[in-house]
């Protein structure tokens, strides 16, 4: 087993319920094809509206219009603002508890692709959710936000920024994310990676990686 110094976490879809669930509910309610929002986001993924907004290179108004243009090109125009309203999930208390336990043994950090929309790094859409999310954010030793750094996952540089600020090497890190595309560069750098498919699975995988029972 590797000697682990730090646990790095994504936020949305790890500490909160997945926005993909909210996307699918929205699509169903508006008679849209399932996963059309994800399809828009995965088309030209390094230069599209989503990528530009997460890198803080366009305004929310520009995102709203550009996302609508991109979704219209796929046959189903959707205002970008409607999608932003779906991003704030509910906290997963058990994952928060695991984070607190990890903090007793390791350095802990967050690498999040986010947007300057909503309340704070978690992009919460109301004050209560913002306060709850901020209480989780306060637990991290380091928070690396795409909207602040101007670089986003899966660019390897954002993982290097996190390691440098935490004073650790990638080989001594575990990284959890709900998207496989974000795990590939972390693994290439030497990190132990865990894809968060669901809560129990992620915690079991983290136990195996750290040797700690949560």
C-alpha atoms as a PDB file:
ATOM      1  CA  UNK A   1       0.000   0.000   0.000  1.00  0.00           C
ATOM      2  CA  UNK A   2       1.224   3.497  -0.863  1.00  0.00           C
ATOM      3  CA  UNK A   3       2.107   5.936   1.894  1.00  0.00           C
ATOM      4  CA  UNK A   4      -0.786   8.382   1.720  1.00  0.00           C
ATOM      5  CA  UNK A   5      -0.319  11.974   2.839  1.00  0.00           C
ATOM      6  CA  UNK A   6      -3.382  13.711   1.426  1.00  0.00           C
ATOM      7  CA  UNK A   7      -6.939  13.079   0.293  1.00  0.00           C
ATOM      8  CA  UNK A   8      -8.205  15.316  -2.502  1.00  0.00           C
ATOM      9  CA  UNK A   9     -11.882  15.575  -3.277  1.00  0.00           C
ATOM     10  CA  UNK A  10     -14.169  16.921  -5.954  1.00  0.00           C
ATOM     11  CA  UNK A  11     -17.209  18.657  -4.430  1.00  0.00           C
ATOM     12  CA  UNK A  12     -20.344  18.396  -6.578  1.00  0.00           C
ATOM     13  CA  UNK A  13     -21.428  14.792  -7.057  1.00  0.00           C
ATOM     14  CA  UNK A  14     -19.174  13.704  -4.191  1.00  0.00           C
ATOM     15  CA  UNK A  15     -20.307  15.688  -1.143  1.00  0.00           C
ATOM     16  CA  UNK A  16     -23.591  16.561  -2.811  1.00  0.00           C
ATOM     17  CA  UNK A  17     -26.072  14.584  -4.837  1.00  0.00           C
ATOM     18  CA  UNK A  18     -25.146  14.482  -8.504  1.00  0.00           C
ATOM     19  CA  UNK A  19     -26.329  17.359 -10.704  1.00  0.00           C
ATOM     20  CA  UNK A  20     -26.883  14.742 -13.407  1.00  0.00           C
ATOM     21  CA  UNK A  21     -29.947  13.569 -11.478  1.00  0.00           C
ATOM     22  CA  UNK A  22     -31.339  17.111 -11.569  1.00  0.00           C
ATOM     23  CA  UNK A  23     -30.495  17.379 -15.262  1.00  0.00           C
ATOM     24  CA  UNK A  24     -32.497  14.225 -16.000  1.00  0.00           C
ATOM     25  CA  UNK A  25     -35.495  15.429 -13.970  1.00  0.00           C
ATOM     26  CA  UNK A  26     -35.446  18.725 -15.893  1.00  0.00           C
ATOM     27  CA  UNK A  27     -35.195  16.912 -19.225  1.00  0.00           C
ATOM     28  CA  UNK A  28     -38.097  14.638 -18.342  1.00  0.00           C
ATOM     29  CA  UNK A  29     -40.252  17.556 -17.174  1.00  0.00           C
ATOM     30  CA  UNK A  30     -39.609  19.482 -20.405  1.00  0.00           C
ATOM     31  CA  UNK A  31     -39.889  16.533 -22.822  1.00  0.00           C
ATOM     32  CA  UNK A  32     -36.226  16.760 -23.746  1.00  0.00           C
ATOM     33  CA  UNK A  33     -34.058  13.775 -24.715  1.00  0.00           C
ATOM     34  CA  UNK A  34     -32.406  12.155 -21.721  1.00  0.00           C
ATOM     35  CA  UNK A  35     -28.847  13.409 -21.143  1.00  0.00           C
ATOM     36  CA  UNK A  36     -29.135  16.216 -23.717  1.00  0.00           C
ATOM     37  CA  UNK A  37     -27.576  18.640 -21.200  1.00  0.00           C
ATOM     38  CA  UNK A  38     -24.619  16.321 -20.707  1.00  0.00           C
ATOM     39  CA  UNK A  39     -24.369  15.955 -24.479  1.00  0.00           C
ATOM     40  CA  UNK A  40     -24.084  19.734 -24.840  1.00  0.00           C
ATOM     41  CA  UNK A  41     -21.425  19.804 -22.125  1.00  0.00           C
ATOM     42  CA  UNK A  42     -19.410  17.017 -23.764  1.00  0.00           C
ATOM     43  CA  UNK A  43     -19.427  18.607 -27.232  1.00  0.00           C
ATOM     44  CA  UNK A  44     -16.196  20.579 -27.728  1.00  0.00           C
ATOM     45  CA  UNK A  45     -15.490  20.051 -23.999  1.00  0.00           C
ATOM     46  CA  UNK A  46     -12.389  22.251 -23.771  1.00  0.00           C
ATOM     47  CA  UNK A  47     -13.847  25.286 -25.549  1.00  0.00           C
ATOM     48  CA  UNK A  48     -17.626  25.200 -25.069  1.00  0.00           C
ATOM     49  CA  UNK A  49     -19.710  27.509 -22.887  1.00  0.00           C
ATOM     50  CA  UNK A  50     -19.331  25.245 -19.858  1.00  0.00           C
ATOM     51  CA  UNK A  51     -15.539  25.139 -20.135  1.00  0.00           C
ATOM     52  CA  UNK A  52     -15.293  28.893 -20.608  1.00  0.00           C
ATOM     53  CA  UNK A  53     -17.584  29.679 -17.671  1.00  0.00           C
ATOM     54  CA  UNK A  54     -15.776  27.281 -15.332  1.00  0.00           C
ATOM     55  CA  UNK A  55     -12.514  28.968 -16.314  1.00  0.00           C
ATOM     56  CA  UNK A  56     -14.093  32.380 -15.641  1.00  0.00           C
ATOM     57  CA  UNK A  57     -13.436  33.669 -19.158  1.00  0.00           C
ATOM     58  CA  UNK A  58     -17.071  34.582 -19.939  1.00  0.00           C
ATOM     59  CA  UNK A  59     -19.830  36.251 -17.917  1.00  0.00           C
ATOM     60  CA  UNK A  60     -22.991  34.553 -16.741  1.00  0.00           C
ATOM     61  CA  UNK A  61     -24.927  36.476 -19.398  1.00  0.00           C
ATOM     62  CA  UNK A  62     -22.565  35.249 -22.105  1.00  0.00           C
ATOM     63  CA  UNK A  63     -22.837  31.703 -20.767  1.00  0.00           C
ATOM     64  CA  UNK A  64     -26.627  31.907 -20.853  1.00  0.00           C
ATOM     65  CA  UNK A  65     -26.661  32.820 -24.548  1.00  0.00           C
ATOM     66  CA  UNK A  66     -23.783  30.602 -25.654  1.00  0.00           C
ATOM     67  CA  UNK A  67     -25.204  27.492 -23.959  1.00  0.00           C
ATOM     68  CA  UNK A  68     -28.536  28.158 -25.651  1.00  0.00           C
ATOM     69  CA  UNK A  69     -26.787  28.395 -29.028  1.00  0.00           C
ATOM     70  CA  UNK A  70     -24.881  25.160 -28.418  1.00  0.00           C
ATOM     71  CA  UNK A  71     -27.983  23.272 -27.301  1.00  0.00           C
ATOM     72  CA  UNK A  72     -29.950  24.663 -30.248  1.00  0.00           C
ATOM     73  CA  UNK A  73     -27.258  23.295 -32.571  1.00  0.00           C
ATOM     74  CA  UNK A  74     -28.157  19.862 -31.175  1.00  0.00           C
ATOM     75  CA  UNK A  75     -31.832  20.503 -31.845  1.00  0.00           C
ATOM     76  CA  UNK A  76     -33.046  21.428 -28.363  1.00  0.00           C
ATOM     77  CA  UNK A  77     -32.466  25.045 -27.261  1.00  0.00           C
ATOM     78  CA  UNK A  78     -32.047  25.387 -23.487  1.00  0.00           C
ATOM     79  CA  UNK A  79     -31.223  28.626 -21.703  1.00  0.00           C
ATOM     80  CA  UNK A  80     -27.954  28.408 -19.796  1.00  0.00           C
ATOM     81  CA  UNK A  81     -29.538  30.065 -16.766  1.00  0.00           C
ATOM     82  CA  UNK A  82     -32.013  27.192 -16.489  1.00  0.00           C
ATOM     83  CA  UNK A  83     -29.118  24.753 -16.271  1.00  0.00           C
ATOM     84  CA  UNK A  84     -27.305  26.791 -13.608  1.00  0.00           C
ATOM     85  CA  UNK A  85     -30.400  26.518 -11.417  1.00  0.00           C
ATOM     86  CA  UNK A  86     -29.934  22.732 -11.373  1.00  0.00           C
ATOM     87  CA  UNK A  87     -26.351  22.625 -10.106  1.00  0.00           C
ATOM     88  CA  UNK A  88     -26.838  22.875  -6.349  1.00  0.00           C
ATOM     89  CA  UNK A  89     -27.380  19.380  -4.909  1.00  0.00           C
ATOM     90  CA  UNK A  90     -28.144  18.211  -1.373  1.00  0.00           C
ATOM     91  CA  UNK A  91     -25.301  17.420   1.019  1.00  0.00           C
ATOM     92  CA  UNK A  92     -24.423  13.799   1.795  1.00  0.00           C
ATOM     93  CA  UNK A  93     -23.878  13.761   5.587  1.00  0.00           C
ATOM     94  CA  UNK A  94     -22.015  10.441   5.577  1.00  0.00           C
ATOM     95  CA  UNK A  95     -19.415  11.725   3.110  1.00  0.00           C
ATOM     96  CA  UNK A  96     -18.950  14.813   5.263  1.00  0.00           C
ATOM     97  CA  UNK A  97     -18.361  12.544   8.262  1.00  0.00           C
ATOM     98  CA  UNK A  98     -15.716  10.617   6.298  1.00  0.00           C
ATOM     99  CA  UNK A  99     -14.015  13.895   5.392  1.00  0.00           C
ATOM    100  CA  UNK A 100     -13.828  14.832   9.074  1.00  0.00           C
ATOM    101  CA  UNK A 101     -12.265  11.465   9.896  1.00  0.00           C
ATOM    102  CA  UNK A 102      -9.767  11.823   7.039  1.00  0.00           C
ATOM    103  CA  UNK A 103      -8.777  15.227   8.371  1.00  0.00           C
ATOM    104  CA  UNK A 104      -7.585  13.541  11.583  1.00  0.00           C
ATOM    105  CA  UNK A 105      -5.041  11.478   9.615  1.00  0.00           C
ATOM    106  CA  UNK A 106      -4.266  13.321   6.367  1.00  0.00           C
ATOM    107  CA  UNK A 107      -4.132  16.688   4.704  1.00  0.00           C
ATOM    108  CA  UNK A 108      -7.416  17.271   2.894  1.00  0.00           C
ATOM    109  CA  UNK A 109      -8.064  19.393  -0.170  1.00  0.00           C
ATOM    110  CA  UNK A 110     -10.765  20.146  -2.707  1.00  0.00           C
ATOM    111  CA  UNK A 111     -10.332  20.509  -6.476  1.00  0.00           C
ATOM    112  CA  UNK A 112     -13.574  21.793  -7.955  1.00  0.00           C
ATOM    113  CA  UNK A 113     -14.670  22.896 -11.389  1.00  0.00           C
ATOM    114  CA  UNK A 114     -17.057  25.670 -10.493  1.00  0.00           C
ATOM    115  CA  UNK A 115     -18.546  28.886 -11.762  1.00  0.00           C
ATOM    116  CA  UNK A 116     -18.879  32.339 -10.299  1.00  0.00           C
ATOM    117  CA  UNK A 117     -22.579  31.695  -9.856  1.00  0.00           C
ATOM    118  CA  UNK A 118     -24.537  31.096  -6.664  1.00  0.00           C
ATOM    119  CA  UNK A 119     -23.167  31.358  -3.146  1.00  0.00           C
ATOM    120  CA  UNK A 120     -19.499  30.483  -2.661  1.00  0.00           C
ATOM    121  CA  UNK A 121     -17.338  27.694  -4.122  1.00  0.00           C
ATOM    122  CA  UNK A 122     -20.174  25.163  -3.989  1.00  0.00           C
ATOM    123  CA  UNK A 123     -22.453  27.390  -6.145  1.00  0.00           C
ATOM    124  CA  UNK A 124     -25.353  26.924  -3.702  1.00  0.00           C
ATOM    125  CA  UNK A 125     -28.591  28.558  -4.819  1.00  0.00           C
ATOM    126  CA  UNK A 126     -29.953  29.637  -1.436  1.00  0.00           C
ATOM    127  CA  UNK A 127     -28.502  30.855   1.850  1.00  0.00           C
ATOM    128  CA  UNK A 128     -29.283  27.674   3.802  1.00  0.00           C
ATOM    129  CA  UNK A 129     -27.533  25.441   1.269  1.00  0.00           C
ATOM    130  CA  UNK A 130     -24.687  27.929   1.045  1.00  0.00           C
ATOM    131  CA  UNK A 131     -24.179  27.850   4.815  1.00  0.00           C
ATOM    132  CA  UNK A 132     -24.236  24.049   4.886  1.00  0.00           C
ATOM    133  CA  UNK A 133     -21.783  23.799   2.001  1.00  0.00           C
ATOM    134  CA  UNK A 134     -19.515  26.441   3.503  1.00  0.00           C
ATOM    135  CA  UNK A 135     -19.293  24.419   6.710  1.00  0.00           C
ATOM    136  CA  UNK A 136     -17.882  21.572   4.601  1.00  0.00           C
ATOM    137  CA  UNK A 137     -15.554  23.843   2.644  1.00  0.00           C
ATOM    138  CA  UNK A 138     -14.139  25.127   5.933  1.00  0.00           C
ATOM    139  CA  UNK A 139     -12.804  21.628   6.671  1.00  0.00           C
ATOM    140  CA  UNK A 140     -10.383  21.629   3.735  1.00  0.00           C
ATOM    141  CA  UNK A 141      -6.773  22.684   4.142  1.00  0.00           C
ATOM    142  CA  UNK A 142      -6.694  23.845   0.513  1.00  0.00           C
ATOM    143  CA  UNK A 143      -9.457  24.641  -1.992  1.00  0.00           C
ATOM    144  CA  UNK A 144      -8.572  24.952  -5.679  1.00  0.00           C
ATOM    145  CA  UNK A 145     -11.386  26.430  -7.794  1.00  0.00           C
ATOM    146  CA  UNK A 146     -11.377  26.482 -11.580  1.00  0.00           C
ATOM    147  CA  UNK A 147     -13.171  29.835 -11.607  1.00  0.00           C
ATOM    148  CA  UNK A 148     -10.351  31.348  -9.537  1.00  0.00           C
ATOM    149  CA  UNK A 149      -7.378  29.623 -11.174  1.00  0.00           C
ATOM    150  CA  UNK A 150      -8.548  29.988 -14.777  1.00  0.00           C
ATOM    151  CA  UNK A 151      -7.793  26.313 -15.368  1.00  0.00           C
ATOM    152  CA  UNK A 152     -10.138  23.356 -14.899  1.00  0.00           C
ATOM    153  CA  UNK A 153     -10.135  19.597 -14.597  1.00  0.00           C
ATOM    154  CA  UNK A 154      -9.020  17.569 -16.532  1.00  0.00           C
ATOM    155  CA  UNK A 155      -6.056  19.912 -17.199  1.00  0.00           C
ATOM    156  CA  UNK A 156      -3.148  18.345 -15.242  1.00  0.00           C
ATOM    157  CA  UNK A 157      -2.072  21.787 -14.043  1.00  0.00           C
ATOM    158  CA  UNK A 158      -4.977  22.107 -11.616  1.00  0.00           C
ATOM    159  CA  UNK A 159      -3.916  18.909  -9.797  1.00  0.00           C
ATOM    160  CA  UNK A 160      -0.339  20.168  -9.648  1.00  0.00           C
ATOM    161  CA  UNK A 161      -1.552  23.461  -8.162  1.00  0.00           C
ATOM    162  CA  UNK A 162      -3.353  21.551  -5.406  1.00  0.00           C
ATOM    163  CA  UNK A 163      -0.330  19.378  -4.619  1.00  0.00           C
ATOM    164  CA  UNK A 164       2.016  22.371  -4.527  1.00  0.00           C
ATOM    165  CA  UNK A 165      -0.218  24.277  -2.127  1.00  0.00           C
ATOM    166  CA  UNK A 166      -0.588  21.267   0.137  1.00  0.00           C
ATOM    167  CA  UNK A 167       3.119  20.466   0.048  1.00  0.00           C
ATOM    168  CA  UNK A 168       2.600  16.901  -1.156  1.00  0.00           C
ATOM    169  CA  UNK A 169       3.563  14.838  -4.200  1.00  0.00           C
ATOM    170  CA  UNK A 170       0.877  13.249  -6.415  1.00  0.00           C
ATOM    171  CA  UNK A 171       2.081   9.747  -5.524  1.00  0.00           C
ATOM    172  CA  UNK A 172       1.058  10.413  -1.919  1.00  0.00           C
ATOM    173  CA  UNK A 173      -2.495  11.494  -2.783  1.00  0.00           C
ATOM    174  CA  UNK A 174      -5.882   9.870  -3.170  1.00  0.00           C
ATOM    175  CA  UNK A 175      -8.317  11.758  -5.428  1.00  0.00           C
ATOM    176  CA  UNK A 176     -12.089  11.215  -5.524  1.00  0.00           C
ATOM    177  CA  UNK A 177     -14.281  12.490  -8.372  1.00  0.00           C
ATOM    178  CA  UNK A 178     -17.552  11.406  -9.942  1.00  0.00           C
ATOM    179  CA  UNK A 179     -16.247  11.851 -13.506  1.00  0.00           C
ATOM    180  CA  UNK A 180     -13.795   9.413 -15.038  1.00  0.00           C
ATOM    181  CA  UNK A 181     -12.420  12.070 -17.386  1.00  0.00           C
ATOM    182  CA  UNK A 182     -11.224  14.022 -14.339  1.00  0.00           C
ATOM    183  CA  UNK A 183      -9.557  10.972 -12.793  1.00  0.00           C
ATOM    184  CA  UNK A 184      -7.385  10.019 -15.772  1.00  0.00           C
ATOM    185  CA  UNK A 185      -4.858  12.897 -15.499  1.00  0.00           C
ATOM    186  CA  UNK A 186      -4.710  12.513 -11.715  1.00  0.00           C
ATOM    187  CA  UNK A 187      -3.853   8.834 -12.132  1.00  0.00           C
ATOM    188  CA  UNK A 188      -1.268   9.692 -14.801  1.00  0.00           C
ATOM    189  CA  UNK A 189       0.412  12.024 -12.302  1.00  0.00           C
ATOM    190  CA  UNK A 190       0.636   9.153  -9.808  1.00  0.00           C
ATOM    191  CA  UNK A 191      -2.432   9.666  -7.633  1.00  0.00           C
ATOM    192  CA  UNK A 192      -4.604   6.826  -6.389  1.00  0.00           C
ATOM    193  CA  UNK A 193      -8.005   7.563  -7.919  1.00  0.00           C
ATOM    194  CA  UNK A 194     -11.536   6.666  -6.872  1.00  0.00           C
ATOM    195  CA  UNK A 195     -14.559   7.149  -9.112  1.00  0.00           C
ATOM    196  CA  UNK A 196     -17.552   8.052  -6.971  1.00  0.00           C
ATOM    197  CA  UNK A 197     -20.422   6.067  -8.446  1.00  0.00           C
ATOM    198  CA  UNK A 198     -22.381   5.929  -5.210  1.00  0.00           C
ATOM    199  CA  UNK A 199     -21.685   6.619  -1.555  1.00  0.00           C
ATOM    200  CA  UNK A 200     -21.061   3.137  -0.118  1.00  0.00           C
ATOM    201  CA  UNK A 201     -18.792   2.149  -3.009  1.00  0.00           C
ATOM    202  CA  UNK A 202     -16.710   5.319  -2.708  1.00  0.00           C
ATOM    203  CA  UNK A 203     -16.253   4.918   1.032  1.00  0.00           C
ATOM    204  CA  UNK A 204     -15.304   1.244   0.658  1.00  0.00           C
ATOM    205  CA  UNK A 205     -12.730   2.161  -1.992  1.00  0.00           C
ATOM    206  CA  UNK A 206     -11.334   4.899   0.246  1.00  0.00           C
ATOM    207  CA  UNK A 207     -10.997   2.416   3.109  1.00  0.00           C
ATOM    208  CA  UNK A 208      -8.958   0.138   0.850  1.00  0.00           C
ATOM    209  CA  UNK A 209      -6.758   3.015  -0.312  1.00  0.00           C
ATOM    210  CA  UNK A 210      -6.055   4.381   3.168  1.00  0.00           C
ATOM    211  CA  UNK A 211      -6.293   1.322   5.404  1.00  0.00           C
ATOM    212  CA  UNK A 212      -8.700   3.226   7.657  1.00  0.00           C
ATOM    213  CA  UNK A 213     -12.162   2.006   8.599  1.00  0.00           C
ATOM    214  CA  UNK A 214     -14.795   4.722   8.280  1.00  0.00           C
END
